Amino acid sequence: INNICRHSDIRCKNGKMNCHKGGMRV
């Protein structure tokens, strides 16, 4: 889960650029 933070930055719903996307079982 922590490794997702190493993926490329993407825009969050609040407009900030500190979100990251990764595949997980949920």
PDB file of all heavy atoms in Angstrom:
ATOM      1  N   ILE A   1       0.845  -1.204   0.000  1.00  0.00           N
ATOM      2  CA  ILE A   1       0.000   0.000   0.000  1.00  0.00           C
ATOM      3  C   ILE A   1       0.877   1.250   0.000  1.00  0.00           C
ATOM      4  O   ILE A   1       0.638   2.193  -0.767  1.00  0.00           O
ATOM      5  CB  ILE A   1      -0.977  -0.015   1.191  1.00  0.00           C
ATOM      6  CG1 ILE A   1      -1.936  -1.210   1.071  1.00  0.00           C
ATOM      7  CG2 ILE A   1      -1.751   1.297   1.274  1.00  0.00           C
ATOM      8  CD1 ILE A   1      -2.739  -1.494   2.315  1.00  0.00           C
ATOM      9  N   ASN A   2       1.914   1.254   0.837  1.00  0.00           N
ATOM     10  CA  ASN A   2       2.824   2.404   0.889  1.00  0.00           C
ATOM     11  C   ASN A   2       3.513   2.626  -0.459  1.00  0.00           C
ATOM     12  O   ASN A   2       3.786   3.771  -0.841  1.00  0.00           O
ATOM     13  CB  ASN A   2       3.876   2.220   1.976  1.00  0.00           C
ATOM     14  CG  ASN A   2       3.303   2.327   3.378  1.00  0.00           C
ATOM     15  OD1 ASN A   2       2.147   2.692   3.572  1.00  0.00           O
ATOM     16  ND2 ASN A   2       4.102   1.989   4.357  1.00  0.00           N
ATOM     17  N   ASN A   3       3.780   1.546  -1.196  1.00  0.00           N
ATOM     18  CA  ASN A   3       4.451   1.660  -2.497  1.00  0.00           C
ATOM     19  C   ASN A   3       3.611   2.409  -3.527  1.00  0.00           C
ATOM     20  O   ASN A   3       4.159   2.947  -4.494  1.00  0.00           O
ATOM     21  CB  ASN A   3       4.844   0.283  -3.034  1.00  0.00           C
ATOM     22  CG  ASN A   3       6.106  -0.238  -2.373  1.00  0.00           C
ATOM     23  OD1 ASN A   3       6.905   0.523  -1.829  1.00  0.00           O
ATOM     24  ND2 ASN A   3       6.283  -1.544  -2.407  1.00  0.00           N
ATOM     25  N   ILE A   4       2.303   2.453  -3.343  1.00  0.00           N
ATOM     26  CA  ILE A   4       1.452   3.229  -4.256  1.00  0.00           C
ATOM     27  C   ILE A   4       1.896   4.692  -4.257  1.00  0.00           C
ATOM     28  O   ILE A   4       1.829   5.371  -5.283  1.00  0.00           O
ATOM     29  CB  ILE A   4      -0.046   3.100  -3.887  1.00  0.00           C
ATOM     30  CG1 ILE A   4      -0.524   1.660  -4.117  1.00  0.00           C
ATOM     31  CG2 ILE A   4      -0.900   4.067  -4.699  1.00  0.00           C
ATOM     32  CD1 ILE A   4      -1.936   1.392  -3.655  1.00  0.00           C
ATOM     33  N   CYS A   5       2.388   5.171  -3.115  1.00  0.00           N
ATOM     34  CA  CYS A   5       2.848   6.560  -3.013  1.00  0.00           C
ATOM     35  C   CYS A   5       4.036   6.843  -3.932  1.00  0.00           C
ATOM     36  O   CYS A   5       4.336   8.003  -4.197  1.00  0.00           O
ATOM     37  CB  CYS A   5       3.220   6.900  -1.567  1.00  0.00           C
ATOM     38  SG  CYS A   5       1.819   6.893  -0.430  1.00  0.00           S
ATOM     39  N   ARG A   6       4.687   5.811  -4.431  1.00  0.00           N
ATOM     40  CA  ARG A   6       5.824   5.988  -5.343  1.00  0.00           C
ATOM     41  C   ARG A   6       5.373   6.092  -6.797  1.00  0.00           C
ATOM     42  O   ARG A   6       6.186   6.409  -7.664  1.00  0.00           O
ATOM     43  CB  ARG A   6       6.801   4.821  -5.191  1.00  0.00           C
ATOM     44  CG  ARG A   6       7.446   4.766  -3.828  1.00  0.00           C
ATOM     45  CD  ARG A   6       8.451   3.650  -3.751  1.00  0.00           C
ATOM     46  NE  ARG A   6       9.010   3.583  -2.408  1.00  0.00           N
ATOM     47  CZ  ARG A   6       9.524   2.493  -1.897  1.00  0.00           C
ATOM     48  NH1 ARG A   6       9.576   1.378  -2.593  1.00  0.00           N
ATOM     49  NH2 ARG A   6      10.008   2.500  -0.677  1.00  0.00           N
ATOM     50  N   HIS A   7       4.100   5.802  -7.064  1.00  0.00           N
ATOM     51  CA  HIS A   7       3.583   5.926  -8.426  1.00  0.00           C
ATOM     52  C   HIS A   7       3.489   7.402  -8.804  1.00  0.00           C
ATOM     53  O   HIS A   7       3.543   8.274  -7.950  1.00  0.00           O
ATOM     54  CB  HIS A   7       2.209   5.258  -8.543  1.00  0.00           C
ATOM     55  CG  HIS A   7       2.239   3.779  -8.334  1.00  0.00           C
ATOM     56  ND1 HIS A   7       1.170   2.973  -8.610  1.00  0.00           N
ATOM     57  CD2 HIS A   7       3.207   2.927  -7.880  1.00  0.00           C
ATOM     58  CE1 HIS A   7       1.464   1.716  -8.335  1.00  0.00           C
ATOM     59  NE2 HIS A   7       2.697   1.678  -7.885  1.00  0.00           N
ATOM     60  N   SER A   8       3.311   7.660 -10.080  1.00  0.00           N
ATOM     61  CA  SER A   8       3.219   9.044 -10.574  1.00  0.00           C
ATOM     62  C   SER A   8       2.118   9.818  -9.873  1.00  0.00           C
ATOM     63  O   SER A   8       1.061   9.264  -9.558  1.00  0.00           O
ATOM     64  CB  SER A   8       2.925   9.042 -12.078  1.00  0.00           C
ATOM     65  OG  SER A   8       3.943   8.376 -12.767  1.00  0.00           O
ATOM     66  N   ASP A   9       2.374  11.120  -9.669  1.00  0.00           N
ATOM     67  CA  ASP A   9       1.368  12.005  -9.075  1.00  0.00           C
ATOM     68  C   ASP A   9       0.188  12.159 -10.031  1.00  0.00           C
ATOM     69  O   ASP A   9       0.373  12.283 -11.242  1.00  0.00           O
ATOM     70  CB  ASP A   9       1.946  13.410  -8.831  1.00  0.00           C
ATOM     71  CG  ASP A   9       2.988  13.435  -7.730  1.00  0.00           C
ATOM     72  OD1 ASP A   9       3.118  12.450  -7.002  1.00  0.00           O
ATOM     73  OD2 ASP A   9       3.676  14.474  -7.610  1.00  0.00           O
ATOM     74  N   ILE A  10      -1.010  12.138  -9.465  1.00  0.00           N
ATOM     75  CA  ILE A  10      -2.215  12.476 -10.209  1.00  0.00           C
ATOM     76  C   ILE A  10      -3.015  13.468  -9.381  1.00  0.00           C
ATOM     77  O   ILE A  10      -2.792  13.612  -8.179  1.00  0.00           O
ATOM     78  CB  ILE A  10      -3.074  11.236 -10.576  1.00  0.00           C
ATOM     79  CG1 ILE A  10      -3.560  10.520  -9.315  1.00  0.00           C
ATOM     80  CG2 ILE A  10      -2.305  10.293 -11.485  1.00  0.00           C
ATOM     81  CD1 ILE A  10      -4.569   9.402  -9.601  1.00  0.00           C
ATOM     82  N   ARG A  11      -3.956  14.144  -9.997  1.00  0.00           N
ATOM     83  CA  ARG A  11      -4.762  15.152  -9.309  1.00  0.00           C
ATOM     84  C   ARG A  11      -5.815  14.468  -8.422  1.00  0.00           C
ATOM     85  O   ARG A  11      -6.540  13.596  -8.858  1.00  0.00           O
ATOM     86  CB  ARG A  11      -5.446  16.071 -10.322  1.00  0.00           C
ATOM     87  CG  ARG A  11      -6.140  17.263  -9.679  1.00  0.00           C
ATOM     88  CD  ARG A  11      -6.621  18.276 -10.698  1.00  0.00           C
ATOM     89  NE  ARG A  11      -5.600  18.699 -11.636  1.00  0.00           N
ATOM     90  CZ  ARG A  11      -4.658  19.615 -11.384  1.00  0.00           C
ATOM     91  NH1 ARG A  11      -4.607  20.192 -10.210  1.00  0.00           N
ATOM     92  NH2 ARG A  11      -3.779  19.942 -12.309  1.00  0.00           N
ATOM     93  N   CYS A  12      -5.880  14.914  -7.171  1.00  0.00           N
ATOM     94  CA  CYS A  12      -6.899  14.434  -6.221  1.00  0.00           C
ATOM     95  C   CYS A  12      -8.221  15.145  -6.501  1.00  0.00           C
ATOM     96  O   CYS A  12      -8.265  16.150  -7.211  1.00  0.00           O
ATOM     97  CB  CYS A  12      -6.477  14.745  -4.785  1.00  0.00           C
ATOM     98  SG  CYS A  12      -4.914  14.033  -4.260  1.00  0.00           S
ATOM     99  N   LYS A  13      -9.291  14.656  -5.890  1.00  0.00           N
ATOM    100  CA  LYS A  13     -10.605  15.292  -6.033  1.00  0.00           C
ATOM    101  C   LYS A  13     -10.590  16.735  -5.528  1.00  0.00           C
ATOM    102  O   LYS A  13     -11.346  17.562  -6.006  1.00  0.00           O
ATOM    103  CB  LYS A  13     -11.670  14.493  -5.279  1.00  0.00           C
ATOM    104  CG  LYS A  13     -11.978  13.151  -5.905  1.00  0.00           C
ATOM    105  CD  LYS A  13     -12.974  12.374  -5.057  1.00  0.00           C
ATOM    106  CE  LYS A  13     -13.179  10.977  -5.608  1.00  0.00           C
ATOM    107  NZ  LYS A  13     -14.003  10.153  -4.705  1.00  0.00           N
ATOM    108  N   ASN A  14      -9.713  17.031  -4.545  1.00  0.00           N
ATOM    109  CA  ASN A  14      -9.652  18.397  -4.006  1.00  0.00           C
ATOM    110  C   ASN A  14      -8.744  19.316  -4.829  1.00  0.00           C
ATOM    111  O   ASN A  14      -8.528  20.466  -4.465  1.00  0.00           O
ATOM    112  CB  ASN A  14      -9.189  18.381  -2.542  1.00  0.00           C
ATOM    113  CG  ASN A  14      -7.756  17.906  -2.371  1.00  0.00           C
ATOM    114  OD1 ASN A  14      -7.024  17.665  -3.338  1.00  0.00           O
ATOM    115  ND2 ASN A  14      -7.348  17.752  -1.127  1.00  0.00           N
ATOM    116  N   GLY A  15      -8.192  18.793  -5.936  1.00  0.00           N
ATOM    117  CA  GLY A  15      -7.369  19.600  -6.822  1.00  0.00           C
ATOM    118  C   GLY A  15      -5.878  19.515  -6.558  1.00  0.00           C
ATOM    119  O   GLY A  15      -5.077  19.946  -7.379  1.00  0.00           O
ATOM    120  N   LYS A  16      -5.476  18.990  -5.415  1.00  0.00           N
ATOM    121  CA  LYS A  16      -4.049  18.875  -5.102  1.00  0.00           C
ATOM    122  C   LYS A  16      -3.416  17.774  -5.951  1.00  0.00           C
ATOM    123  O   LYS A  16      -4.088  16.836  -6.380  1.00  0.00           O
ATOM    124  CB  LYS A  16      -3.838  18.585  -3.617  1.00  0.00           C
ATOM    125  CG  LYS A  16      -4.247  19.733  -2.717  1.00  0.00           C
ATOM    126  CD  LYS A  16      -3.957  19.405  -1.266  1.00  0.00           C
ATOM    127  CE  LYS A  16      -4.360  20.544  -0.354  1.00  0.00           C
ATOM    128  NZ  LYS A  16      -4.120  20.224   1.053  1.00  0.00           N
ATOM    129  N   MET A  17      -2.124  17.867  -6.149  1.00  0.00           N
ATOM    130  CA  MET A  17      -1.391  16.889  -6.969  1.00  0.00           C
ATOM    131  C   MET A  17      -0.594  15.914  -6.102  1.00  0.00           C
ATOM    132  O   MET A  17       0.567  15.633  -6.366  1.00  0.00           O
ATOM    133  CB  MET A  17      -0.453  17.619  -7.935  1.00  0.00           C
ATOM    134  CG  MET A  17      -1.143  18.308  -9.083  1.00  0.00           C
ATOM    135  SD  MET A  17      -2.045  17.191 -10.182  1.00  0.00           S
ATOM    136  CE  MET A  17      -0.713  16.276 -10.932  1.00  0.00           C
ATOM    137  N   ASN A  18      -1.218  15.390  -5.055  1.00  0.00           N
ATOM    138  CA  ASN A  18      -0.500  14.445  -4.198  1.00  0.00           C
ATOM    139  C   ASN A  18      -1.188  13.083  -4.136  1.00  0.00           C
ATOM    140  O   ASN A  18      -0.987  12.316  -3.207  1.00  0.00           O
ATOM    141  CB  ASN A  18      -0.311  15.019  -2.788  1.00  0.00           C
ATOM    142  CG  ASN A  18      -1.611  15.200  -2.033  1.00  0.00           C
ATOM    143  OD1 ASN A  18      -2.634  15.571  -2.598  1.00  0.00           O
ATOM    144  ND2 ASN A  18      -1.578  14.948  -0.740  1.00  0.00           N
ATOM    145  N   CYS A  19      -1.982  12.757  -5.154  1.00  0.00           N
ATOM    146  CA  CYS A  19      -2.632  11.450  -5.200  1.00  0.00           C
ATOM    147  C   CYS A  19      -1.852  10.504  -6.107  1.00  0.00           C
ATOM    148  O   CYS A  19      -1.107  10.936  -6.986  1.00  0.00           O
ATOM    149  CB  CYS A  19      -4.082  11.581  -5.674  1.00  0.00           C
ATOM    150  SG  CYS A  19      -5.202  12.062  -4.339  1.00  0.00           S
ATOM    151  N   HIS A  20      -2.067   9.221  -5.863  1.00  0.00           N
ATOM    152  CA  HIS A  20      -1.364   8.168  -6.590  1.00  0.00           C
ATOM    153  C   HIS A  20      -2.343   7.010  -6.782  1.00  0.00           C
ATOM    154  O   HIS A  20      -3.212   6.783  -5.937  1.00  0.00           O
ATOM    155  CB  HIS A  20      -0.144   7.705  -5.798  1.00  0.00           C
ATOM    156  CG  HIS A  20       0.736   8.844  -5.381  1.00  0.00           C
ATOM    157  ND1 HIS A  20       1.781   9.276  -6.135  1.00  0.00           N
ATOM    158  CD2 HIS A  20       0.681   9.666  -4.303  1.00  0.00           C
ATOM    159  CE1 HIS A  20       2.360  10.300  -5.540  1.00  0.00           C
ATOM    160  NE2 HIS A  20       1.697  10.567  -4.421  1.00  0.00           N
ATOM    161  N   LYS A  21      -2.177   6.270  -7.891  1.00  0.00           N
ATOM    162  CA  LYS A  21      -3.123   5.206  -8.235  1.00  0.00           C
ATOM    163  C   LYS A  21      -2.390   3.880  -8.343  1.00  0.00           C
ATOM    164  O   LYS A  21      -1.286   3.818  -8.892  1.00  0.00           O
ATOM    165  CB  LYS A  21      -3.801   5.551  -9.559  1.00  0.00           C
ATOM    166  CG  LYS A  21      -4.787   4.509 -10.042  1.00  0.00           C
ATOM    167  CD  LYS A  21      -5.676   5.001 -11.163  1.00  0.00           C
ATOM    168  CE  LYS A  21      -4.938   5.360 -12.416  1.00  0.00           C
ATOM    169  NZ  LYS A  21      -5.844   5.612 -13.555  1.00  0.00           N
ATOM    170  N   GLY A  22      -3.029   2.828  -7.830  1.00  0.00           N
ATOM    171  CA  GLY A  22      -2.455   1.493  -7.936  1.00  0.00           C
ATOM    172  C   GLY A  22      -3.519   0.430  -7.766  1.00  0.00           C
ATOM    173  O   GLY A  22      -4.533   0.651  -7.100  1.00  0.00           O
ATOM    174  N   GLY A  23      -3.301  -0.725  -8.367  1.00  0.00           N
ATOM    175  CA  GLY A  23      -4.251  -1.834  -8.290  1.00  0.00           C
ATOM    176  C   GLY A  23      -4.152  -2.575  -6.969  1.00  0.00           C
ATOM    177  O   GLY A  23      -3.056  -2.908  -6.518  1.00  0.00           O
ATOM    178  N   MET A  24      -5.315  -2.841  -6.352  1.00  0.00           N
ATOM    179  CA  MET A  24      -5.381  -3.545  -5.059  1.00  0.00           C
ATOM    180  C   MET A  24      -6.659  -4.384  -4.989  1.00  0.00           C
ATOM    181  O   MET A  24      -7.632  -4.111  -5.687  1.00  0.00           O
ATOM    182  CB  MET A  24      -5.426  -2.544  -3.896  1.00  0.00           C
ATOM    183  CG  MET A  24      -4.171  -1.756  -3.677  1.00  0.00           C
ATOM    184  SD  MET A  24      -2.967  -2.726  -2.756  1.00  0.00           S
ATOM    185  CE  MET A  24      -1.478  -2.251  -3.576  1.00  0.00           C
ATOM    186  N   ARG A  25      -6.635  -5.366  -4.101  1.00  0.00           N
ATOM    187  CA  ARG A  25      -7.845  -6.117  -3.772  1.00  0.00           C
ATOM    188  C   ARG A  25      -8.530  -5.364  -2.654  1.00  0.00           C
ATOM    189  O   ARG A  25      -7.885  -4.994  -1.658  1.00  0.00           O
ATOM    190  CB  ARG A  25      -7.458  -7.514  -3.325  1.00  0.00           C
ATOM    191  CG  ARG A  25      -8.620  -8.465  -3.294  1.00  0.00           C
ATOM    192  CD  ARG A  25      -8.154  -9.882  -3.141  1.00  0.00           C
ATOM    193  NE  ARG A  25      -8.933 -10.745  -2.299  1.00  0.00           N
ATOM    194  CZ  ARG A  25     -10.179 -10.610  -1.921  1.00  0.00           C
ATOM    195  NH1 ARG A  25     -10.844  -9.573  -2.276  1.00  0.00           N
ATOM    196  NH2 ARG A  25     -10.788 -11.486  -1.180  1.00  0.00           N
ATOM    197  N   VAL A  26      -9.847  -5.105  -2.803  1.00  0.00           N
ATOM    198  CA  VAL A  26     -10.572  -4.261  -1.844  1.00  0.00           C
ATOM    199  C   VAL A  26     -11.937  -4.851  -1.503  1.00  0.00           C
ATOM    200  O   VAL A  26     -12.467  -5.699  -2.226  1.00  0.00           O
ATOM    201  CB  VAL A  26     -10.781  -2.822  -2.393  1.00  0.00           C
ATOM    202  CG1 VAL A  26      -9.453  -2.151  -2.686  1.00  0.00           C
ATOM    203  CG2 VAL A  26     -11.674  -2.821  -3.622  1.00  0.00           C
TER     204      VAL A  26
END
